Amino acid sequence: MSLVRNNLREVLRNMELDLAGIHKLAAEQGIDAETLDDALSEALRLAYLKTPHAAKHARIELDDRAGTFTVWAADEIPGTPTEDDPHPAPTLGEEYDDTPKDFGRLAAATARQVITLLFRHAEDEKIFGAFSGQKGKLITGIVQQDVKDPSNVHIAVGDVEALLPRREQVPGERYRHGERLRVYVVNVGRGLKGPEIIVSRSHPELVRCLFEREVPELVSGAVSIMAIAREAGARTKIAVKANTEGVNPKGALIGPGGARVRAVMENLGQEKIDIVDYSDDPAKFVASALSPAVATGVQVISDKTKTAIAFIHDDQLSLAIGKEGQNARLAAKLTGWKIGIESAETHAKKMAEQAEQADE
C-alpha cells in the first residue's frame, strides 16, 4: 500500500490532477474506470459546494484525454405564480462553467483522499478473498511484537498481519519476535480497519492439521481422526480408525520409530499426545479413551444420558484419573460420555458378596 501512496503522490504532483495516471494506478489495483470516475466526480462536486459562492446545483465533467475537469453549474430560476399554481417549483437555468480558478489544490487533495480510500478498499477485498479460503487451515507466519497491543500476538503472513488473541494462545507458550510459527485459521472477517484474520495455537483442529501434514494415510482417507480432545500445552487425546483393511491407524499416526508423532509434537512444545482406537461400541471406546490405563471392563449405565463406569485395577487408578483428573477429563471430552472410574478389585468383591447373598 505504501508503494501505491508513493505513486499516487507522483500522479498528483504540483497539485494537479493526472487522470490518465490515476486510471492506470486504479487498473493495477483492479478498480474499473467507471467506479473511479463516479467516486472522484462526487467528491469533487462536494468539494466545490464548500467553496465560496458555489451554485446549489452542479455536476463534474472529467476529461480523461486532457486530464482536466470542469464544474458545470446551474442557477435556479423562480417560477411565475399562477392561479392554479401559486407556488411553482423553480426551474434550472442554462449550465455554465463555474470551475474555481484556485480549485486545483483542493481538487488534488480531494482526489488523493478518494483514491486512497478506493485503493485501500480494493486491497482489503484482495486480502479477504485470498484468506477467506484459508479458514480451517494451517498457515505459517512470523511473530511480530506490538508494544501497543501486548495482550495479543501479531503474526505476519506475507504482507498481511493475522491476530493471535490471548484466548487462542497456549498457556505458558512464549512467542518471540521473528519466530516462525504454525497457526490455525479460526476466522476471516471484515473488521472496522479492514480484513480481520484470527488465528489460534490452542484450537484442537490445529493438531489435526499438523498430523495431516505428516500422515499420508489421513490425506488419502485410509485413516480418519474421529475425535480430538485437547488441553492445550498439556495433553491431547486423538481417536483414530482405519477405513482400509490391513492399515494400523495408530501406527500410521505414530510413524516409523515414532517419527510422525514426534514431528507434530515439535510444533506443540511440551504437549503430550495419546493416540487411541475409535470404536462405535461405547464400552470399547470408553475403555480405549482411558489409555494409558487398562480397563478390565466398562459398564454402560445409560445410553440416553451417555453415562458409563470403567473398572480399573487398583495399581492403575491414579493413571486412569491422571494428574488433577486430566486423563479422565480428556477421555470424557473425547468420547462425549460421563465416565465414572471404580476399582476393579472393589467391584469384583462387591459382585462376589452379592452372589453369596443371592445363594443364601
Protein backbone atom coordinates (compact mmCIF):
# COMPACT_ATOMS: atom_id res chain seq x y z
CA MET A 1 0.00 0.00 0.00
CA SER A 2 2.95 2.34 0.65
CA LEU A 3 4.07 1.93 -2.99
CA VAL A 4 0.58 2.86 -4.14
CA ARG A 5 0.67 6.00 -1.98
CA ASN A 6 4.04 6.99 -3.47
CA ASN A 7 2.71 6.52 -6.99
CA LEU A 8 -0.40 8.49 -6.08
CA ARG A 9 1.69 11.42 -4.90
CA GLU A 10 3.52 11.29 -8.22
CA VAL A 11 0.38 11.49 -10.35
CA LEU A 12 -0.90 14.37 -8.17
CA ARG A 13 2.40 16.27 -8.21
CA ASN A 14 2.20 20.06 -8.41
CA MET A 15 -1.32 19.73 -7.03
CA GLU A 16 -2.71 18.97 -10.50
CA LEU A 17 -4.90 16.03 -11.46
CA ASP A 18 -3.31 13.45 -13.76
CA LEU A 19 -6.40 11.44 -14.70
CA ALA A 20 -4.51 9.14 -17.07
CA GLY A 21 -2.02 8.28 -14.33
CA ILE A 22 -4.81 7.80 -11.78
CA HIS A 23 -6.67 5.44 -14.12
CA LYS A 24 -3.50 3.43 -14.69
CA LEU A 25 -2.95 3.06 -10.93
CA ALA A 26 -6.60 2.12 -10.44
CA ALA A 27 -6.43 -0.56 -13.13
CA GLU A 28 -3.40 -2.07 -11.39
CA GLN A 29 -5.49 -2.33 -8.21
CA GLY A 30 -8.42 -3.92 -10.05
CA ILE A 31 -10.63 -0.79 -9.90
CA ASP A 32 -12.60 -0.11 -13.07
CA ALA A 33 -12.54 3.37 -14.60
CA GLU A 34 -16.28 3.97 -14.18
CA THR A 35 -16.17 3.28 -10.43
CA LEU A 36 -13.19 5.59 -10.07
CA ASP A 37 -14.74 8.40 -12.15
CA ASP A 38 -18.05 8.23 -10.28
CA ALA A 39 -16.34 8.42 -6.87
CA LEU A 40 -13.97 11.18 -8.00
CA SER A 41 -16.74 13.25 -9.60
CA GLU A 42 -18.92 13.08 -6.49
CA ALA A 43 -16.01 14.00 -4.23
CA LEU A 44 -15.07 16.96 -6.44
CA ARG A 45 -18.71 18.10 -6.53
CA LEU A 46 -18.89 18.06 -2.73
CA ALA A 47 -15.57 19.91 -2.53
CA TYR A 48 -16.89 22.55 -4.96
CA LEU A 49 -20.04 23.06 -2.87
CA LYS A 50 -17.81 24.06 0.07
CA THR A 51 -16.21 26.90 -1.92
CA PRO A 52 -17.47 30.49 -1.52
CA HIS A 53 -20.46 31.45 -3.72
CA ALA A 54 -20.85 27.88 -5.02
CA ALA A 55 -24.02 27.20 -7.01
CA LYS A 56 -26.50 24.85 -5.37
CA HIS A 57 -26.76 22.67 -8.46
CA ALA A 58 -23.55 21.42 -10.03
CA ARG A 59 -22.02 18.43 -11.76
CA ILE A 60 -18.45 17.44 -12.60
CA GLU A 61 -17.30 16.58 -16.10
CA LEU A 62 -13.99 14.72 -16.33
CA ASP A 63 -11.87 14.95 -19.47
CA ASP A 64 -9.66 11.87 -19.43
CA ARG A 65 -7.65 12.87 -22.51
CA ALA A 66 -6.84 16.36 -21.32
CA GLY A 67 -6.55 15.22 -17.72
CA THR A 68 -8.80 18.05 -16.57
CA PHE A 69 -12.27 18.51 -15.16
CA THR A 70 -14.98 21.14 -15.38
CA VAL A 71 -17.56 22.21 -12.82
CA TRP A 72 -20.83 22.80 -14.63
CA ALA A 73 -23.27 24.81 -12.51
CA ALA A 74 -26.87 25.90 -12.99
CA ASP A 75 -28.85 28.52 -11.11
CA GLU A 76 -32.45 28.24 -10.03
CA ILE A 77 -34.97 30.40 -11.90
CA PRO A 78 -38.08 31.18 -9.84
CA GLY A 79 -41.33 30.08 -11.44
CA THR A 80 -44.16 32.51 -12.21
CA PRO A 81 -47.10 32.03 -9.81
CA THR A 82 -50.49 31.35 -11.37
CA GLU A 83 -53.97 30.89 -10.06
CA ASP A 84 -53.66 27.13 -10.43
CA ASP A 85 -50.09 27.03 -9.06
CA PRO A 86 -49.39 29.90 -6.66
CA HIS A 87 -46.06 28.34 -5.51
CA PRO A 88 -44.39 26.83 -8.58
CA ALA A 89 -41.13 24.93 -8.26
CA PRO A 90 -38.11 26.73 -9.63
CA THR A 91 -36.50 25.57 -12.85
CA LEU A 92 -32.81 25.29 -13.63
CA GLY A 93 -31.24 27.75 -16.00
CA GLU A 94 -28.59 27.03 -18.60
CA GLU A 95 -25.40 25.40 -17.36
CA TYR A 96 -22.23 27.45 -17.19
CA ASP A 97 -18.57 26.75 -16.35
CA ASP A 98 -18.04 27.62 -12.69
CA THR A 99 -14.71 25.91 -12.09
CA PRO A 100 -12.95 28.00 -9.43
CA LYS A 101 -9.61 29.39 -10.55
CA ASP A 102 -7.80 28.29 -7.41
CA PHE A 103 -9.57 24.93 -7.20
CA GLY A 104 -6.56 22.81 -8.23
CA ARG A 105 -5.08 22.44 -4.76
CA LEU A 106 -8.39 21.43 -3.15
CA ALA A 107 -9.24 19.16 -6.09
CA ALA A 108 -5.91 17.34 -5.85
CA ALA A 109 -6.27 16.85 -2.08
CA THR A 110 -9.83 15.59 -2.55
CA ALA A 111 -8.76 13.23 -5.30
CA ARG A 112 -5.94 11.85 -3.16
CA GLN A 113 -8.34 11.15 -0.30
CA VAL A 114 -10.95 9.45 -2.50
CA ILE A 115 -8.47 7.35 -4.43
CA THR A 116 -6.61 6.28 -1.30
CA LEU A 117 -9.90 5.05 0.20
CA LEU A 118 -10.78 3.22 -3.02
CA PHE A 119 -7.35 1.63 -3.21
CA ARG A 120 -7.48 0.60 0.45
CA HIS A 121 -10.90 -0.98 -0.08
CA ALA A 122 -9.63 -2.82 -3.16
CA GLU A 123 -6.58 -4.05 -1.25
CA ASP A 124 -8.79 -5.18 1.66
CA GLU A 125 -11.01 -7.13 -0.74
CA LYS A 126 -7.96 -8.84 -2.25
CA ILE A 127 -6.74 -9.87 1.20
CA PHE A 128 -10.21 -11.02 2.27
CA GLY A 129 -10.60 -13.04 -0.94
CA ALA A 130 -7.18 -14.64 -0.54
CA PHE A 131 -7.72 -15.62 3.10
CA SER A 132 -11.43 -16.50 3.12
CA GLY A 133 -10.46 -19.87 1.65
CA GLN A 134 -7.86 -20.41 4.39
CA LYS A 135 -10.40 -20.66 7.21
CA GLY A 136 -9.95 -24.00 8.97
CA LYS A 137 -6.45 -24.48 7.58
CA LEU A 138 -2.89 -24.31 8.84
CA ILE A 139 -0.68 -21.38 7.87
CA THR A 140 2.86 -20.34 8.80
CA GLY A 141 3.75 -16.80 9.81
CA ILE A 142 6.35 -14.69 11.59
CA VAL A 143 5.73 -13.43 15.13
CA GLN A 144 5.61 -9.61 15.31
CA GLN A 145 5.77 -7.78 18.62
CA ASP A 146 3.45 -4.82 19.12
CA VAL A 147 4.13 -2.70 22.21
CA LYS A 148 0.73 -1.04 21.77
CA ASP A 149 -1.06 -4.40 21.95
CA PRO A 150 0.80 -6.58 24.49
CA SER A 151 -2.07 -8.99 25.20
CA ASN A 152 -2.35 -10.13 21.58
CA VAL A 153 0.31 -11.58 19.28
CA HIS A 154 0.56 -10.33 15.70
CA ILE A 155 1.55 -12.87 13.05
CA ALA A 156 2.88 -11.64 9.70
CA VAL A 157 1.80 -13.84 6.79
CA GLY A 158 3.41 -12.30 3.73
CA ASP A 159 2.16 -8.71 3.55
CA VAL A 160 -0.83 -9.48 5.78
CA GLU A 161 -0.99 -9.47 9.57
CA ALA A 162 -3.09 -12.03 11.45
CA LEU A 163 -4.09 -11.76 15.09
CA LEU A 164 -3.43 -14.40 17.74
CA PRO A 165 -5.64 -13.18 20.64
CA ARG A 166 -4.97 -14.17 24.23
CA ARG A 167 -7.93 -16.58 24.27
CA GLU A 168 -6.34 -18.55 21.39
CA GLN A 169 -2.86 -18.70 22.92
CA VAL A 170 -1.42 -21.71 24.74
CA PRO A 171 -0.85 -21.16 28.47
CA GLY A 172 2.87 -20.92 29.17
CA GLU A 173 3.83 -20.71 25.49
CA ARG A 174 6.21 -17.84 24.63
CA TYR A 175 6.09 -16.10 21.27
CA ARG A 176 9.38 -14.48 20.30
CA HIS A 177 9.69 -11.69 17.76
CA GLY A 178 10.85 -13.06 14.39
CA GLU A 179 9.98 -16.66 15.27
CA ARG A 180 8.29 -18.81 12.60
CA LEU A 181 5.03 -20.19 13.92
CA ARG A 182 2.35 -22.53 12.59
CA VAL A 183 -1.17 -21.39 13.46
CA TYR A 184 -4.74 -22.49 12.71
CA VAL A 185 -7.03 -20.00 10.96
CA VAL A 186 -10.15 -19.70 13.13
CA ASN A 187 -11.96 -16.93 11.26
CA VAL A 188 -11.61 -14.45 8.41
CA GLY A 189 -13.95 -11.47 8.61
CA ARG A 190 -14.34 -7.81 7.78
CA GLY A 191 -13.35 -5.55 10.66
CA LEU A 192 -13.59 -1.78 11.09
CA LYS A 193 -10.00 -1.38 9.91
CA GLY A 194 -10.13 -3.93 7.10
CA PRO A 195 -9.91 -7.73 6.93
CA GLU A 196 -9.58 -9.41 10.33
CA ILE A 197 -7.76 -12.75 10.38
CA ILE A 198 -7.99 -14.59 13.71
CA VAL A 199 -5.59 -17.49 14.27
CA SER A 200 -5.13 -19.98 17.08
CA ARG A 201 -2.46 -22.07 18.76
CA SER A 202 -4.84 -23.73 21.24
CA HIS A 203 -7.58 -24.99 18.87
CA PRO A 204 -7.95 -28.81 18.76
CA GLU A 205 -8.08 -28.69 14.96
CA LEU A 206 -4.51 -27.36 14.92
CA VAL A 207 -3.39 -30.84 15.98
CA ARG A 208 -5.44 -32.47 13.20
CA CYS A 209 -3.85 -30.17 10.60
CA LEU A 210 -0.36 -30.90 11.90
CA PHE A 211 -0.96 -34.65 11.59
CA GLU A 212 -2.36 -34.22 8.06
CA ARG A 213 0.98 -32.68 7.09
CA GLU A 214 2.85 -35.77 8.31
CA VAL A 215 0.49 -38.70 7.65
CA PRO A 216 -0.33 -39.57 4.00
CA GLU A 217 -2.95 -42.08 5.15
CA LEU A 218 -5.05 -39.22 6.56
CA VAL A 219 -4.95 -37.36 3.25
CA SER A 220 -5.77 -40.48 1.22
CA GLY A 221 -8.64 -41.41 3.54
CA ALA A 222 -7.15 -44.75 4.60
CA VAL A 223 -7.21 -43.47 8.20
CA SER A 224 -9.59 -40.98 9.86
CA ILE A 225 -9.30 -38.90 13.02
CA MET A 226 -12.72 -39.38 14.60
CA ALA A 227 -12.37 -37.15 17.67
CA ILE A 228 -9.89 -34.83 19.37
CA ALA A 229 -9.83 -33.67 23.00
CA ARG A 230 -7.19 -31.13 23.91
CA GLU A 231 -5.95 -29.21 26.91
CA ALA A 232 -3.51 -27.01 25.03
CA GLY A 233 0.03 -27.05 26.34
CA ALA A 234 -0.52 -30.14 28.46
CA ARG A 235 -2.11 -33.12 26.67
CA THR A 236 -4.16 -34.13 23.64
CA LYS A 237 -6.09 -37.34 23.03
CA ILE A 238 -6.91 -38.42 19.48
CA ALA A 239 -9.27 -41.24 18.45
CA VAL A 240 -8.50 -42.87 15.09
CA LYS A 241 -9.93 -45.60 12.91
CA ALA A 242 -8.88 -47.38 9.72
CA ASN A 243 -11.02 -47.17 6.60
CA THR A 244 -8.83 -49.58 4.65
CA GLU A 245 -8.27 -53.22 5.59
CA GLY A 246 -4.78 -54.03 6.80
CA VAL A 247 -3.95 -50.47 7.92
CA ASN A 248 -2.96 -49.88 11.54
CA PRO A 249 -4.46 -46.43 12.32
CA LYS A 250 -2.41 -45.79 15.47
CA GLY A 251 0.75 -46.98 13.74
CA ALA A 252 0.08 -44.63 10.82
CA LEU A 253 -0.03 -41.58 13.11
CA ILE A 254 2.92 -42.69 15.21
CA GLY A 255 5.07 -43.42 12.16
CA PRO A 256 8.29 -45.46 11.83
CA GLY A 257 10.15 -45.18 15.11
CA GLY A 258 7.64 -42.53 16.24
CA ALA A 259 8.89 -40.07 13.59
CA ARG A 260 5.47 -38.70 12.61
CA VAL A 261 4.12 -38.06 16.08
CA ARG A 262 7.47 -36.51 17.08
CA ALA A 263 7.28 -34.12 14.13
CA VAL A 264 3.85 -32.99 15.33
CA MET A 265 4.97 -32.64 18.94
CA GLU A 266 7.88 -30.43 17.87
CA ASN A 267 5.24 -27.85 16.91
CA LEU A 268 3.46 -28.17 20.25
CA GLY A 269 6.26 -27.69 22.77
CA GLN A 270 5.89 -29.86 25.87
CA GLU A 271 2.38 -31.08 25.00
CA LYS A 272 1.87 -34.87 25.19
CA ILE A 273 -0.23 -36.81 22.67
CA ASP A 274 -2.22 -40.01 23.29
CA ILE A 275 -3.46 -41.86 20.18
CA VAL A 276 -6.28 -44.34 20.86
CA ASP A 277 -8.53 -46.61 18.81
CA TYR A 278 -12.04 -45.39 17.99
CA SER A 279 -15.00 -47.75 18.25
CA ASP A 280 -18.71 -47.44 17.55
CA ASP A 281 -19.20 -49.58 20.66
CA PRO A 282 -19.38 -47.07 23.56
CA ALA A 283 -17.89 -49.50 26.09
CA LYS A 284 -14.87 -50.25 23.90
CA PHE A 285 -14.39 -46.57 23.06
CA VAL A 286 -14.51 -45.52 26.72
CA ALA A 287 -12.00 -48.24 27.65
CA SER A 288 -9.69 -47.14 24.84
CA ALA A 289 -10.01 -43.46 25.74
CA LEU A 290 -8.70 -44.07 29.27
CA SER A 291 -5.34 -45.20 27.87
CA PRO A 292 -2.58 -45.49 29.08
CA ALA A 293 -4.61 -47.12 31.87
CA VAL A 294 -6.12 -50.52 31.03
CA ALA A 295 -9.81 -51.01 31.87
CA THR A 296 -10.84 -54.54 32.85
CA GLY A 297 -14.35 -53.71 31.76
CA VAL A 298 -16.84 -50.91 31.12
CA GLN A 299 -20.48 -50.92 32.19
CA VAL A 300 -22.85 -48.70 30.21
CA ILE A 301 -25.28 -47.19 32.72
CA SER A 302 -27.42 -45.21 30.27
CA ASP A 303 -27.23 -44.70 26.51
CA LYS A 304 -29.65 -41.78 26.83
CA THR A 305 -27.52 -39.80 29.29
CA LYS A 306 -24.27 -41.29 27.93
CA THR A 307 -23.10 -42.48 31.32
CA ALA A 308 -20.68 -45.36 31.92
CA ILE A 309 -18.43 -46.81 34.63
CA ALA A 310 -14.94 -48.08 33.86
CA PHE A 311 -13.31 -50.66 36.13
CA ILE A 312 -9.58 -50.23 36.67
CA HIS A 313 -7.08 -52.24 38.70
CA ASP A 314 -6.04 -50.52 41.93
CA ASP A 315 -2.45 -50.07 40.79
CA GLN A 316 -3.68 -48.15 37.70
CA LEU A 317 -6.38 -45.99 39.26
CA SER A 318 -4.13 -42.93 39.52
CA LEU A 319 -3.05 -43.47 35.89
CA ALA A 320 -6.69 -43.64 34.73
CA ILE A 321 -7.62 -40.47 36.62
CA GLY A 322 -4.42 -38.63 35.74
CA LYS A 323 -2.77 -35.62 37.33
CA GLU A 324 -5.54 -33.34 38.67
CA GLY A 325 -8.06 -35.57 36.85
CA GLN A 326 -6.69 -34.71 33.41
CA ASN A 327 -6.75 -38.20 31.85
CA ALA A 328 -10.33 -38.91 32.92
CA ARG A 329 -11.40 -35.41 31.87
CA LEU A 330 -9.89 -35.76 28.37
CA ALA A 331 -11.39 -39.25 27.98
CA ALA A 332 -14.84 -37.81 28.74
CA LYS A 333 -14.31 -34.98 26.21
CA LEU A 334 -13.07 -37.42 23.58
CA THR A 335 -15.97 -39.85 23.89
CA GLY A 336 -18.72 -37.42 24.83
CA TRP A 337 -19.62 -39.73 27.75
CA LYS A 338 -19.70 -39.18 31.51
CA ILE A 339 -17.21 -41.72 32.83
CA GLY A 340 -17.13 -42.98 36.38
CA ILE A 341 -13.96 -44.81 37.47
CA GLU A 342 -14.10 -47.60 40.03
CA SER A 343 -11.63 -50.11 41.43
CA ALA A 344 -11.85 -53.43 39.59
CA GLU A 345 -10.92 -55.27 42.80
CA THR A 346 -13.60 -53.50 44.86
CA HIS A 347 -16.17 -54.16 42.14
CA ALA A 348 -15.24 -57.86 41.95
CA LYS A 349 -15.53 -58.17 45.75
CA LYS A 350 -18.92 -56.43 45.69
CA MET A 351 -20.19 -58.74 42.93
CA ALA A 352 -18.96 -61.79 44.87
CA GLU A 353 -20.78 -60.64 48.01
CA GLN A 354 -23.97 -60.08 46.04
CA ALA A 355 -23.67 -63.56 44.54
CA GLU A 356 -23.23 -65.11 48.01
CA GLN A 357 -26.30 -63.28 49.30
CA ALA A 358 -28.30 -64.50 46.34
CA ASP A 359 -27.32 -68.12 47.06
CA GLU A 360 -28.39 -67.95 50.71
